[in-house]
């Protein structure tokens, strides 16, 4: 068995497509009813489709999973987040770790941790 994609549940597919495209440069590869496959293996699933198939509600702003991206210009990502285009909720502020690695944790518009 091989891991192919990571699926996250989103409240608004179009808003999420724009968010992931603008912030991380991900592009739509394929669309099916209630699902969008984006580049880098990210799949967006409409919350209504999830609820109907799983018979449970999602829990936004939980800390059970995190999408992990790497970027050489993390300050540029933070600038985009703070541009006023997005309502941003940070889990951690921009931090520099020992060794010079920088990280920031925040939530997407549907409450998925990045």
PDB file of N, CA and C in Angstrom:
ATOM      1  N   UNK A   1       0.847  -1.176   0.000  1.00  0.00           N
ATOM      2  CA  UNK A   1       0.000   0.000   0.000  1.00  0.00           C
ATOM      3  C   UNK A   1       0.893   1.240   0.000  1.00  0.00           C
ATOM      4  N   UNK A   2       0.405   2.296  -0.637  1.00  0.00           N
ATOM      5  CA  UNK A   2       1.194   3.507  -0.804  1.00  0.00           C
ATOM      6  C   UNK A   2       0.322   4.723  -0.484  1.00  0.00           C
ATOM      7  N   UNK A   3       0.846   5.643   0.303  1.00  0.00           N
ATOM      8  CA  UNK A   3       0.128   6.886   0.600  1.00  0.00           C
ATOM      9  C   UNK A   3       0.128   7.761  -0.647  1.00  0.00           C
ATOM     10  N   UNK A   4      -1.049   8.156  -1.096  1.00  0.00           N
ATOM     11  CA  UNK A   4      -1.173   8.941  -2.322  1.00  0.00           C
ATOM     12  C   UNK A   4      -1.469  10.414  -2.060  1.00  0.00           C
ATOM     13  N   UNK A   5      -2.362  10.689  -1.122  1.00  0.00           N
ATOM     14  CA  UNK A   5      -2.808  12.054  -0.895  1.00  0.00           C
ATOM     15  C   UNK A   5      -3.125  12.257   0.577  1.00  0.00           C
ATOM     16  N   UNK A   6      -3.279  13.512   0.939  1.00  0.00           N
ATOM     17  CA  UNK A   6      -3.778  13.904   2.252  1.00  0.00           C
ATOM     18  C   UNK A   6      -5.082  14.653   2.013  1.00  0.00           C
ATOM     19  N   UNK A   7      -6.156  14.233   2.670  1.00  0.00           N
ATOM     20  CA  UNK A   7      -7.465  14.849   2.509  1.00  0.00           C
ATOM     21  C   UNK A   7      -7.786  15.673   3.745  1.00  0.00           C
ATOM     22  N   UNK A   8      -8.213  16.903   3.509  1.00  0.00           N
ATOM     23  CA  UNK A   8      -8.707  17.735   4.605  1.00  0.00           C
ATOM     24  C   UNK A   8     -10.127  18.175   4.270  1.00  0.00           C
ATOM     25  N   UNK A   9     -10.902  18.387   5.298  1.00  0.00           N
ATOM     26  CA  UNK A   9     -12.288  18.817   5.142  1.00  0.00           C
ATOM     27  C   UNK A   9     -12.325  20.337   5.217  1.00  0.00           C
ATOM     28  N   UNK A  10     -13.043  20.949   4.273  1.00  0.00           N
ATOM     29  CA  UNK A  10     -13.128  22.406   4.225  1.00  0.00           C
ATOM     30  C   UNK A  10     -14.584  22.846   4.143  1.00  0.00           C
ATOM     31  N   UNK A  11     -14.845  24.019   4.677  1.00  0.00           N
ATOM     32  CA  UNK A  11     -16.199  24.563   4.679  1.00  0.00           C
ATOM     33  C   UNK A  11     -16.588  25.175   3.335  1.00  0.00           C
ATOM     34  N   UNK A  12     -15.608  25.745   2.639  1.00  0.00           N
ATOM     35  CA  UNK A  12     -15.869  26.438   1.381  1.00  0.00           C
ATOM     36  C   UNK A  12     -14.756  26.062   0.403  1.00  0.00           C
ATOM     37  N   UNK A  13     -15.086  25.224  -0.560  1.00  0.00           N
ATOM     38  CA  UNK A  13     -14.074  24.719  -1.503  1.00  0.00           C
ATOM     39  C   UNK A  13     -13.398  25.863  -2.262  1.00  0.00           C
ATOM     40  N   UNK A  14     -14.173  26.795  -2.807  1.00  0.00           N
ATOM     41  CA  UNK A  14     -13.586  27.871  -3.616  1.00  0.00           C
ATOM     42  C   UNK A  14     -12.654  28.746  -2.785  1.00  0.00           C
ATOM     43  N   UNK A  15     -13.073  29.093  -1.575  1.00  0.00           N
ATOM     44  CA  UNK A  15     -12.221  29.890  -0.687  1.00  0.00           C
ATOM     45  C   UNK A  15     -10.933  29.134  -0.372  1.00  0.00           C
ATOM     46  N   UNK A  16     -11.038  27.848  -0.151  1.00  0.00           N
ATOM     47  CA  UNK A  16      -9.868  27.036   0.185  1.00  0.00           C
ATOM     48  C   UNK A  16      -8.923  26.892  -1.005  1.00  0.00           C
ATOM     49  N   UNK A  17      -9.473  26.728  -2.205  1.00  0.00           N
ATOM     50  CA  UNK A  17      -8.633  26.674  -3.408  1.00  0.00           C
ATOM     51  C   UNK A  17      -7.818  27.954  -3.509  1.00  0.00           C
ATOM     52  N   UNK A  18      -8.474  29.091  -3.365  1.00  0.00           N
ATOM     53  CA  UNK A  18      -7.798  30.386  -3.451  1.00  0.00           C
ATOM     54  C   UNK A  18      -6.725  30.506  -2.366  1.00  0.00           C
ATOM     55  N   UNK A  19      -7.057  30.127  -1.136  1.00  0.00           N
ATOM     56  CA  UNK A  19      -6.132  30.211  -0.005  1.00  0.00           C
ATOM     57  C   UNK A  19      -4.860  29.399  -0.275  1.00  0.00           C
ATOM     58  N   UNK A  20      -5.017  28.142  -0.642  1.00  0.00           N
ATOM     59  CA  UNK A  20      -3.854  27.274  -0.852  1.00  0.00           C
ATOM     60  C   UNK A  20      -3.082  27.645  -2.117  1.00  0.00           C
ATOM     61  N   UNK A  21      -3.758  28.187  -3.116  1.00  0.00           N
ATOM     62  CA  UNK A  21      -3.070  28.642  -4.313  1.00  0.00           C
ATOM     63  C   UNK A  21      -2.252  29.890  -4.022  1.00  0.00           C
ATOM     64  N   UNK A  22      -2.878  30.869  -3.391  1.00  0.00           N
ATOM     65  CA  UNK A  22      -2.192  32.136  -3.154  1.00  0.00           C
ATOM     66  C   UNK A  22      -1.043  32.000  -2.155  1.00  0.00           C
ATOM     67  N   UNK A  23      -1.250  31.247  -1.100  1.00  0.00           N
ATOM     68  CA  UNK A  23      -0.214  31.129  -0.075  1.00  0.00           C
ATOM     69  C   UNK A  23       0.904  30.171  -0.464  1.00  0.00           C
ATOM     70  N   UNK A  24       0.565  29.043  -1.070  1.00  0.00           N
ATOM     71  CA  UNK A  24       1.549  27.984  -1.292  1.00  0.00           C
ATOM     72  C   UNK A  24       1.759  27.614  -2.757  1.00  0.00           C
ATOM     73  N   UNK A  25       1.021  28.249  -3.660  1.00  0.00           N
ATOM     74  CA  UNK A  25       1.198  27.969  -5.077  1.00  0.00           C
ATOM     75  C   UNK A  25       0.618  26.641  -5.543  1.00  0.00           C
ATOM     76  N   UNK A  26      -0.288  26.057  -4.755  1.00  0.00           N
ATOM     77  CA  UNK A  26      -0.903  24.790  -5.154  1.00  0.00           C
ATOM     78  C   UNK A  26      -1.953  25.048  -6.235  1.00  0.00           C
ATOM     79  N   UNK A  27      -2.026  24.156  -7.198  1.00  0.00           N
ATOM     80  CA  UNK A  27      -2.970  24.295  -8.306  1.00  0.00           C
ATOM     81  C   UNK A  27      -3.951  23.138  -8.333  1.00  0.00           C
ATOM     82  N   UNK A  28      -5.125  23.397  -8.887  1.00  0.00           N
ATOM     83  CA  UNK A  28      -6.144  22.360  -9.026  1.00  0.00           C
ATOM     84  C   UNK A  28      -5.708  21.387 -10.118  1.00  0.00           C
ATOM     85  N   UNK A  29      -5.702  20.109  -9.767  1.00  0.00           N
ATOM     86  CA  UNK A  29      -5.382  19.038 -10.714  1.00  0.00           C
ATOM     87  C   UNK A  29      -6.671  18.421 -11.249  1.00  0.00           C
ATOM     88  N   UNK A  30      -7.636  18.210 -10.338  1.00  0.00           N
ATOM     89  CA  UNK A  30      -8.868  17.514 -10.707  1.00  0.00           C
ATOM     90  C   UNK A  30      -9.994  17.955  -9.784  1.00  0.00           C
ATOM     91  N   UNK A  31     -11.198  17.992 -10.336  1.00  0.00           N
ATOM     92  CA  UNK A  31     -12.400  18.296  -9.551  1.00  0.00           C
ATOM     93  C   UNK A  31     -13.415  17.190  -9.758  1.00  0.00           C
ATOM     94  N   UNK A  32     -14.007  16.770  -8.657  1.00  0.00           N
ATOM     95  CA  UNK A  32     -15.155  15.880  -8.699  1.00  0.00           C
ATOM     96  C   UNK A  32     -16.142  16.460  -7.707  1.00  0.00           C
ATOM     97  N   UNK A  33     -17.363  16.022  -7.752  1.00  0.00           N
ATOM     98  CA  UNK A  33     -18.388  16.591  -6.887  1.00  0.00           C
ATOM     99  C   UNK A  33     -17.959  16.551  -5.420  1.00  0.00           C
ATOM    100  N   UNK A  34     -17.743  17.736  -4.843  1.00  0.00           N
ATOM    101  CA  UNK A  34     -17.390  17.832  -3.428  1.00  0.00           C
ATOM    102  C   UNK A  34     -15.943  17.570  -3.100  1.00  0.00           C
ATOM    103  N   UNK A  35     -15.107  17.284  -4.100  1.00  0.00           N
ATOM    104  CA  UNK A  35     -13.688  17.002  -3.881  1.00  0.00           C
ATOM    105  C   UNK A  35     -12.838  17.722  -4.912  1.00  0.00           C
ATOM    106  N   UNK A  36     -11.704  18.243  -4.467  1.00  0.00           N
ATOM    107  CA  UNK A  36     -10.748  18.875  -5.363  1.00  0.00           C
ATOM    108  C   UNK A  36      -9.371  18.324  -5.026  1.00  0.00           C
ATOM    109  N   UNK A  37      -8.687  17.800  -6.041  1.00  0.00           N
ATOM    110  CA  UNK A  37      -7.306  17.357  -5.858  1.00  0.00           C
ATOM    111  C   UNK A  37      -6.410  18.493  -6.316  1.00  0.00           C
ATOM    112  N   UNK A  38      -5.500  18.889  -5.434  1.00  0.00           N
ATOM    113  CA  UNK A  38      -4.562  19.958  -5.741  1.00  0.00           C
ATOM    114  C   UNK A  38      -3.162  19.370  -5.893  1.00  0.00           C
ATOM    115  N   UNK A  39      -2.265  20.167  -6.463  1.00  0.00           N
ATOM    116  CA  UNK A  39      -0.885  19.716  -6.600  1.00  0.00           C
ATOM    117  C   UNK A  39      -0.295  19.451  -5.217  1.00  0.00           C
ATOM    118  N   UNK A  40       0.785  18.722  -5.188  1.00  0.00           N
ATOM    119  CA  UNK A  40       1.475  18.310  -3.956  1.00  0.00           C
ATOM    120  C   UNK A  40       0.676  17.308  -3.136  1.00  0.00           C
ATOM    121  N   UNK A  41      -0.423  16.777  -3.692  1.00  0.00           N
ATOM    122  CA  UNK A  41      -1.148  15.705  -3.018  1.00  0.00           C
ATOM    123  C   UNK A  41      -2.189  16.130  -2.008  1.00  0.00           C
ATOM    124  N   UNK A  42      -2.578  17.401  -2.016  1.00  0.00           N
ATOM    125  CA  UNK A  42      -3.606  17.866  -1.083  1.00  0.00           C
ATOM    126  C   UNK A  42      -4.985  17.704  -1.713  1.00  0.00           C
ATOM    127  N   UNK A  43      -5.893  17.066  -0.992  1.00  0.00           N
ATOM    128  CA  UNK A  43      -7.274  16.904  -1.441  1.00  0.00           C
ATOM    129  C   UNK A  43      -8.174  17.699  -0.503  1.00  0.00           C
ATOM    130  N   UNK A  44      -9.028  18.527  -1.074  1.00  0.00           N
ATOM    131  CA  UNK A  44     -10.014  19.293  -0.315  1.00  0.00           C
ATOM    132  C   UNK A  44     -11.358  18.601  -0.473  1.00  0.00           C
ATOM    133  N   UNK A  45     -12.019  18.330   0.650  1.00  0.00           N
ATOM    134  CA  UNK A  45     -13.350  17.723   0.584  1.00  0.00           C
ATOM    135  C   UNK A  45     -14.342  18.639   1.279  1.00  0.00           C
ATOM    136  N   UNK A  46     -15.469  18.861   0.615  1.00  0.00           N
ATOM    137  CA  UNK A  46     -16.534  19.686   1.166  1.00  0.00           C
ATOM    138  C   UNK A  46     -17.042  19.083   2.472  1.00  0.00           C
ATOM    139  N   UNK A  47     -17.244  19.933   3.473  1.00  0.00           N
ATOM    140  CA  UNK A  47     -17.691  19.467   4.793  1.00  0.00           C
ATOM    141  C   UNK A  47     -19.020  18.725   4.714  1.00  0.00           C
ATOM    142  N   UNK A  48     -19.894  19.127   3.805  1.00  0.00           N
ATOM    143  CA  UNK A  48     -21.173  18.439   3.651  1.00  0.00           C
ATOM    144  C   UNK A  48     -21.007  17.012   3.152  1.00  0.00           C
ATOM    145  N   UNK A  49     -20.088  16.807   2.227  1.00  0.00           N
ATOM    146  CA  UNK A  49     -19.803  15.461   1.715  1.00  0.00           C
ATOM    147  C   UNK A  49     -19.229  14.597   2.833  1.00  0.00           C
ATOM    148  N   UNK A  50     -18.311  15.180   3.612  1.00  0.00           N
ATOM    149  CA  UNK A  50     -17.716  14.456   4.743  1.00  0.00           C
ATOM    150  C   UNK A  50     -18.791  14.027   5.736  1.00  0.00           C
ATOM    151  N   UNK A  51     -19.640  14.982   6.116  1.00  0.00           N
ATOM    152  CA  UNK A  51     -20.671  14.680   7.113  1.00  0.00           C
ATOM    153  C   UNK A  51     -21.630  13.600   6.607  1.00  0.00           C
ATOM    154  N   UNK A  52     -22.011  13.699   5.339  1.00  0.00           N
ATOM    155  CA  UNK A  52     -22.932  12.712   4.771  1.00  0.00           C
ATOM    156  C   UNK A  52     -22.311  11.311   4.735  1.00  0.00           C
ATOM    157  N   UNK A  53     -21.049  11.229   4.369  1.00  0.00           N
ATOM    158  CA  UNK A  53     -20.425   9.905   4.248  1.00  0.00           C
ATOM    159  C   UNK A  53     -19.977   9.336   5.590  1.00  0.00           C
ATOM    160  N   UNK A  54     -19.569  10.195   6.514  1.00  0.00           N
ATOM    161  CA  UNK A  54     -19.047   9.724   7.803  1.00  0.00           C
ATOM    162  C   UNK A  54     -20.082   9.747   8.925  1.00  0.00           C
ATOM    163  N   UNK A  55     -21.134  10.523   8.731  1.00  0.00           N
ATOM    164  CA  UNK A  55     -22.175  10.678   9.751  1.00  0.00           C
ATOM    165  C   UNK A  55     -21.647  11.312  11.043  1.00  0.00           C
ATOM    166  N   UNK A  56     -20.597  12.141  10.905  1.00  0.00           N
ATOM    167  CA  UNK A  56     -20.069  12.881  12.056  1.00  0.00           C
ATOM    168  C   UNK A  56     -19.654  14.279  11.602  1.00  0.00           C
ATOM    169  N   UNK A  57     -19.668  15.196  12.543  1.00  0.00           N
ATOM    170  CA  UNK A  57     -19.217  16.558  12.287  1.00  0.00           C
ATOM    171  C   UNK A  57     -17.693  16.621  12.388  1.00  0.00           C
ATOM    172  N   UNK A  58     -17.108  17.563  11.695  1.00  0.00           N
ATOM    173  CA  UNK A  58     -15.678  17.814  11.856  1.00  0.00           C
ATOM    174  C   UNK A  58     -15.460  18.666  13.100  1.00  0.00           C
ATOM    175  N   UNK A  59     -14.238  18.701  13.581  1.00  0.00           N
ATOM    176  CA  UNK A  59     -13.882  19.510  14.745  1.00  0.00           C
ATOM    177  C   UNK A  59     -12.778  20.472  14.312  1.00  0.00           C
ATOM    178  N   UNK A  60     -13.157  21.700  13.929  1.00  0.00           N
ATOM    179  CA  UNK A  60     -12.131  22.651  13.507  1.00  0.00           C
ATOM    180  C   UNK A  60     -11.269  23.091  14.686  1.00  0.00           C
ATOM    181  N   UNK A  61     -10.094  23.578  14.362  1.00  0.00           N
ATOM    182  CA  UNK A  61      -9.137  24.100  15.343  1.00  0.00           C
ATOM    183  C   UNK A  61      -8.684  23.037  16.335  1.00  0.00           C
ATOM    184  N   UNK A  62      -8.624  21.781  15.890  1.00  0.00           N
ATOM    185  CA  UNK A  62      -8.056  20.753  16.759  1.00  0.00           C
ATOM    186  C   UNK A  62      -6.567  20.648  16.450  1.00  0.00           C
ATOM    187  N   UNK A  63      -5.858  19.899  17.244  1.00  0.00           N
ATOM    188  CA  UNK A  63      -4.416  19.792  17.039  1.00  0.00           C
ATOM    189  C   UNK A  63      -3.985  18.347  16.800  1.00  0.00           C
ATOM    190  N   UNK A  64      -4.852  17.568  16.194  1.00  0.00           N
ATOM    191  CA  UNK A  64      -4.543  16.160  15.947  1.00  0.00           C
ATOM    192  C   UNK A  64      -3.685  15.963  14.691  1.00  0.00           C
ATOM    193  N   UNK A  65      -3.793  16.876  13.740  1.00  0.00           N
ATOM    194  CA  UNK A  65      -3.003  16.781  12.511  1.00  0.00           C
ATOM    195  C   UNK A  65      -2.501  18.163  12.132  1.00  0.00           C
ATOM    196  N   UNK A  66      -1.468  18.183  11.320  1.00  0.00           N
ATOM    197  CA  UNK A  66      -0.918  19.450  10.850  1.00  0.00           C
ATOM    198  C   UNK A  66      -0.411  19.258   9.430  1.00  0.00           C
ATOM    199  N   UNK A  67      -0.762  20.177   8.540  1.00  0.00           N
ATOM    200  CA  UNK A  67      -0.164  20.196   7.210  1.00  0.00           C
ATOM    201  C   UNK A  67       1.190  20.869   7.346  1.00  0.00           C
ATOM    202  N   UNK A  68       2.228  20.230   6.835  1.00  0.00           N
ATOM    203  CA  UNK A  68       3.595  20.713   7.006  1.00  0.00           C
ATOM    204  C   UNK A  68       4.136  21.167   5.659  1.00  0.00           C
ATOM    205  N   UNK A  69       4.383  22.459   5.533  1.00  0.00           N
ATOM    206  CA  UNK A  69       4.964  23.034   4.328  1.00  0.00           C
ATOM    207  C   UNK A  69       6.337  23.586   4.667  1.00  0.00           C
ATOM    208  N   UNK A  70       7.224  23.594   3.681  1.00  0.00           N
ATOM    209  CA  UNK A  70       8.517  24.253   3.824  1.00  0.00           C
ATOM    210  C   UNK A  70       8.608  25.343   2.774  1.00  0.00           C
ATOM    211  N   UNK A  71       9.183  26.492   3.173  1.00  0.00           N
ATOM    212  CA  UNK A  71       9.338  27.616   2.264  1.00  0.00           C
ATOM    213  C   UNK A  71      10.583  28.382   2.677  1.00  0.00           C
ATOM    214  N   UNK A  72      11.366  28.829   1.704  1.00  0.00           N
ATOM    215  CA  UNK A  72      12.572  29.603   2.010  1.00  0.00           C
ATOM    216  C   UNK A  72      12.257  31.022   2.450  1.00  0.00           C
ATOM    217  N   UNK A  73      11.035  31.482   2.215  1.00  0.00           N
ATOM    218  CA  UNK A  73      10.638  32.844   2.583  1.00  0.00           C
ATOM    219  C   UNK A  73       9.437  32.802   3.520  1.00  0.00           C
ATOM    220  N   UNK A  74       9.640  32.296   4.718  1.00  0.00           N
ATOM    221  CA  UNK A  74       8.531  32.173   5.666  1.00  0.00           C
ATOM    222  C   UNK A  74       7.996  33.548   6.073  1.00  0.00           C
ATOM    223  N   UNK A  75       8.888  34.552   6.097  1.00  0.00           N
ATOM    224  CA  UNK A  75       8.422  35.905   6.404  1.00  0.00           C
ATOM    225  C   UNK A  75       7.441  36.391   5.336  1.00  0.00           C
ATOM    226  N   UNK A  76       7.674  36.006   4.077  1.00  0.00           N
ATOM    227  CA  UNK A  76       6.759  36.354   2.993  1.00  0.00           C
ATOM    228  C   UNK A  76       5.393  35.715   3.173  1.00  0.00           C
ATOM    229  N   UNK A  77       5.372  34.485   3.668  1.00  0.00           N
ATOM    230  CA  UNK A  77       4.102  33.809   3.958  1.00  0.00           C
ATOM    231  C   UNK A  77       3.356  34.581   5.042  1.00  0.00           C
ATOM    232  N   UNK A  78       4.072  34.964   6.101  1.00  0.00           N
ATOM    233  CA  UNK A  78       3.445  35.713   7.200  1.00  0.00           C
ATOM    234  C   UNK A  78       2.912  37.049   6.688  1.00  0.00           C
ATOM    235  N   UNK A  79       3.649  37.723   5.803  1.00  0.00           N
ATOM    236  CA  UNK A  79       3.170  38.988   5.219  1.00  0.00           C
ATOM    237  C   UNK A  79       1.863  38.778   4.459  1.00  0.00           C
ATOM    238  N   UNK A  80       1.801  37.694   3.686  1.00  0.00           N
ATOM    239  CA  UNK A  80       0.558  37.393   2.965  1.00  0.00           C
ATOM    240  C   UNK A  80      -0.589  37.148   3.944  1.00  0.00           C
ATOM    241  N   UNK A  81      -0.293  36.408   5.019  1.00  0.00           N
ATOM    242  CA  UNK A  81      -1.330  36.131   6.020  1.00  0.00           C
ATOM    243  C   UNK A  81      -1.847  37.412   6.653  1.00  0.00           C
ATOM    244  N   UNK A  82      -0.957  38.368   6.860  1.00  0.00           N
ATOM    245  CA  UNK A  82      -1.320  39.605   7.552  1.00  0.00           C
ATOM    246  C   UNK A  82      -1.713  40.726   6.597  1.00  0.00           C
ATOM    247  N   UNK A  83      -1.905  40.404   5.322  1.00  0.00           N
ATOM    248  CA  UNK A  83      -2.244  41.413   4.317  1.00  0.00           C
ATOM    249  C   UNK A  83      -3.672  41.931   4.451  1.00  0.00           C
ATOM    250  N   UNK A  84      -4.485  41.271   5.265  1.00  0.00           N
ATOM    251  CA  UNK A  84      -5.876  41.657   5.403  1.00  0.00           C
ATOM    252  C   UNK A  84      -6.814  40.830   4.538  1.00  0.00           C
ATOM    253  N   UNK A  85      -6.270  39.991   3.669  1.00  0.00           N
ATOM    254  CA  UNK A  85      -7.104  39.145   2.802  1.00  0.00           C
ATOM    255  C   UNK A  85      -7.700  37.966   3.553  1.00  0.00           C
ATOM    256  N   UNK A  86      -7.055  37.598   4.643  1.00  0.00           N
ATOM    257  CA  UNK A  86      -7.466  36.410   5.390  1.00  0.00           C
ATOM    258  C   UNK A  86      -7.720  36.766   6.838  1.00  0.00           C
ATOM    259  N   UNK A  87      -8.661  36.064   7.425  1.00  0.00           N
ATOM    260  CA  UNK A  87      -8.841  36.135   8.869  1.00  0.00           C
ATOM    261  C   UNK A  87      -7.939  35.044   9.435  1.00  0.00           C
ATOM    262  N   UNK A  88      -6.879  35.454  10.118  1.00  0.00           N
ATOM    263  CA  UNK A  88      -5.848  34.507  10.538  1.00  0.00           C
ATOM    264  C   UNK A  88      -5.944  34.224  12.025  1.00  0.00           C
ATOM    265  N   UNK A  89      -5.869  32.952  12.333  1.00  0.00           N
ATOM    266  CA  UNK A  89      -5.763  32.524  13.730  1.00  0.00           C
ATOM    267  C   UNK A  89      -4.456  31.742  13.844  1.00  0.00           C
ATOM    268  N   UNK A  90      -3.534  32.284  14.628  1.00  0.00           N
ATOM    269  CA  UNK A  90      -2.236  31.647  14.808  1.00  0.00           C
ATOM    270  C   UNK A  90      -2.289  30.643  15.949  1.00  0.00           C
ATOM    271  N   UNK A  91      -1.591  29.520  15.772  1.00  0.00           N
ATOM    272  CA  UNK A  91      -1.369  28.569  16.863  1.00  0.00           C
ATOM    273  C   UNK A  91      -0.053  28.913  17.549  1.00  0.00           C
ATOM    274  N   UNK A  92       0.943  29.332  16.764  1.00  0.00           N
ATOM    275  CA  UNK A  92       2.212  29.839  17.298  1.00  0.00           C
ATOM    276  C   UNK A  92       2.657  31.000  16.422  1.00  0.00           C
ATOM    277  N   UNK A  93       3.312  31.952  17.021  1.00  0.00           N
ATOM    278  CA  UNK A  93       3.859  33.074  16.270  1.00  0.00           C
ATOM    279  C   UNK A  93       5.100  32.613  15.505  1.00  0.00           C
ATOM    280  N   UNK A  94       5.555  33.440  14.570  1.00  0.00           N
ATOM    281  CA  UNK A  94       6.795  33.156  13.861  1.00  0.00           C
ATOM    282  C   UNK A  94       7.921  33.063  14.879  1.00  0.00           C
ATOM    283  N   UNK A  95       8.617  31.932  14.875  1.00  0.00           N
ATOM    284  CA  UNK A  95       9.637  31.630  15.874  1.00  0.00           C
ATOM    285  C   UNK A  95      10.880  31.117  15.166  1.00  0.00           C
ATOM    286  N   UNK A  96      12.050  31.470  15.690  1.00  0.00           N
ATOM    287  CA  UNK A  96      13.293  30.897  15.177  1.00  0.00           C
ATOM    288  C   UNK A  96      13.812  29.895  16.186  1.00  0.00           C
ATOM    289  N   UNK A  97      14.051  28.684  15.721  1.00  0.00           N
ATOM    290  CA  UNK A  97      14.530  27.607  16.576  1.00  0.00           C
ATOM    291  C   UNK A  97      16.051  27.597  16.608  1.00  0.00           C
ATOM    292  N   UNK A  98      16.616  26.850  17.549  1.00  0.00           N
ATOM    293  CA  UNK A  98      18.061  26.645  17.563  1.00  0.00           C
ATOM    294  C   UNK A  98      18.475  26.076  16.213  1.00  0.00           C
ATOM    295  N   UNK A  99      19.542  26.585  15.665  1.00  0.00           N
ATOM    296  CA  UNK A  99      19.983  26.126  14.351  1.00  0.00           C
ATOM    297  C   UNK A  99      19.466  26.997  13.221  1.00  0.00           C
ATOM    298  N   UNK A 100      18.598  27.966  13.538  1.00  0.00           N
ATOM    299  CA  UNK A 100      18.140  28.923  12.536  1.00  0.00           C
ATOM    300  C   UNK A 100      16.849  28.583  11.816  1.00  0.00           C
ATOM    301  N   UNK A 101      16.289  27.394  12.036  1.00  0.00           N
ATOM    302  CA  UNK A 101      15.023  27.053  11.382  1.00  0.00           C
ATOM    303  C   UNK A 101      13.909  27.923  11.948  1.00  0.00           C
ATOM    304  N   UNK A 102      13.048  28.412  11.065  1.00  0.00           N
ATOM    305  CA  UNK A 102      11.922  29.244  11.484  1.00  0.00           C
ATOM    306  C   UNK A 102      10.629  28.479  11.269  1.00  0.00           C
ATOM    307  N   UNK A 103       9.662  28.743  12.137  1.00  0.00           N
ATOM    308  CA  UNK A 103       8.362  28.105  11.978  1.00  0.00           C
ATOM    309  C   UNK A 103       7.262  29.027  12.449  1.00  0.00           C
ATOM    310  N   UNK A 104       6.096  28.813  11.872  1.00  0.00           N
ATOM    311  CA  UNK A 104       4.875  29.492  12.284  1.00  0.00           C
ATOM    312  C   UNK A 104       3.750  28.484  12.090  1.00  0.00           C
ATOM    313  N   UNK A 105       2.823  28.473  13.009  1.00  0.00           N
ATOM    314  CA  UNK A 105       1.659  27.587  12.881  1.00  0.00           C
ATOM    315  C   UNK A 105       0.402  28.449  12.897  1.00  0.00           C
ATOM    316  N   UNK A 106      -0.509  28.131  11.976  1.00  0.00           N
ATOM    317  CA  UNK A 106      -1.751  28.882  11.858  1.00  0.00           C
ATOM    318  C   UNK A 106      -2.814  27.958  11.289  1.00  0.00           C
ATOM    319  N   UNK A 107      -4.039  28.443  11.260  1.00  0.00           N
ATOM    320  CA  UNK A 107      -5.161  27.648  10.763  1.00  0.00           C
ATOM    321  C   UNK A 107      -5.647  28.190   9.426  1.00  0.00           C
ATOM    322  N   UNK A 108      -6.080  27.295   8.566  1.00  0.00           N
ATOM    323  CA  UNK A 108      -6.688  27.724   7.306  1.00  0.00           C
ATOM    324  C   UNK A 108      -8.112  28.210   7.593  1.00  0.00           C
ATOM    325  N   UNK A 109      -8.829  28.721   6.598  1.00  0.00           N
ATOM    326  CA  UNK A 109     -10.176  29.258   6.852  1.00  0.00           C
ATOM    327  C   UNK A 109     -11.165  28.255   7.441  1.00  0.00           C
ATOM    328  N   UNK A 110     -10.892  26.959   7.318  1.00  0.00           N
ATOM    329  CA  UNK A 110     -11.785  25.931   7.868  1.00  0.00           C
ATOM    330  C   UNK A 110     -11.301  25.371   9.194  1.00  0.00           C
ATOM    331  N   UNK A 111     -10.191  25.896   9.711  1.00  0.00           N
ATOM    332  CA  UNK A 111      -9.692  25.442  11.007  1.00  0.00           C
ATOM    333  C   UNK A 111      -8.720  24.285  10.946  1.00  0.00           C
ATOM    334  N   UNK A 112      -8.135  24.011   9.776  1.00  0.00           N
ATOM    335  CA  UNK A 112      -7.100  22.983   9.658  1.00  0.00           C
ATOM    336  C   UNK A 112      -5.748  23.587  10.008  1.00  0.00           C
ATOM    337  N   UNK A 113      -4.989  22.919  10.854  1.00  0.00           N
ATOM    338  CA  UNK A 113      -3.696  23.422  11.316  1.00  0.00           C
ATOM    339  C   UNK A 113      -2.639  23.275  10.232  1.00  0.00           C
ATOM    340  N   UNK A 114      -1.898  24.358  10.024  1.00  0.00           N
ATOM    341  CA  UNK A 114      -0.784  24.379   9.065  1.00  0.00           C
ATOM    342  C   UNK A 114       0.463  24.772   9.834  1.00  0.00           C
TER     343      UNK A 114
END
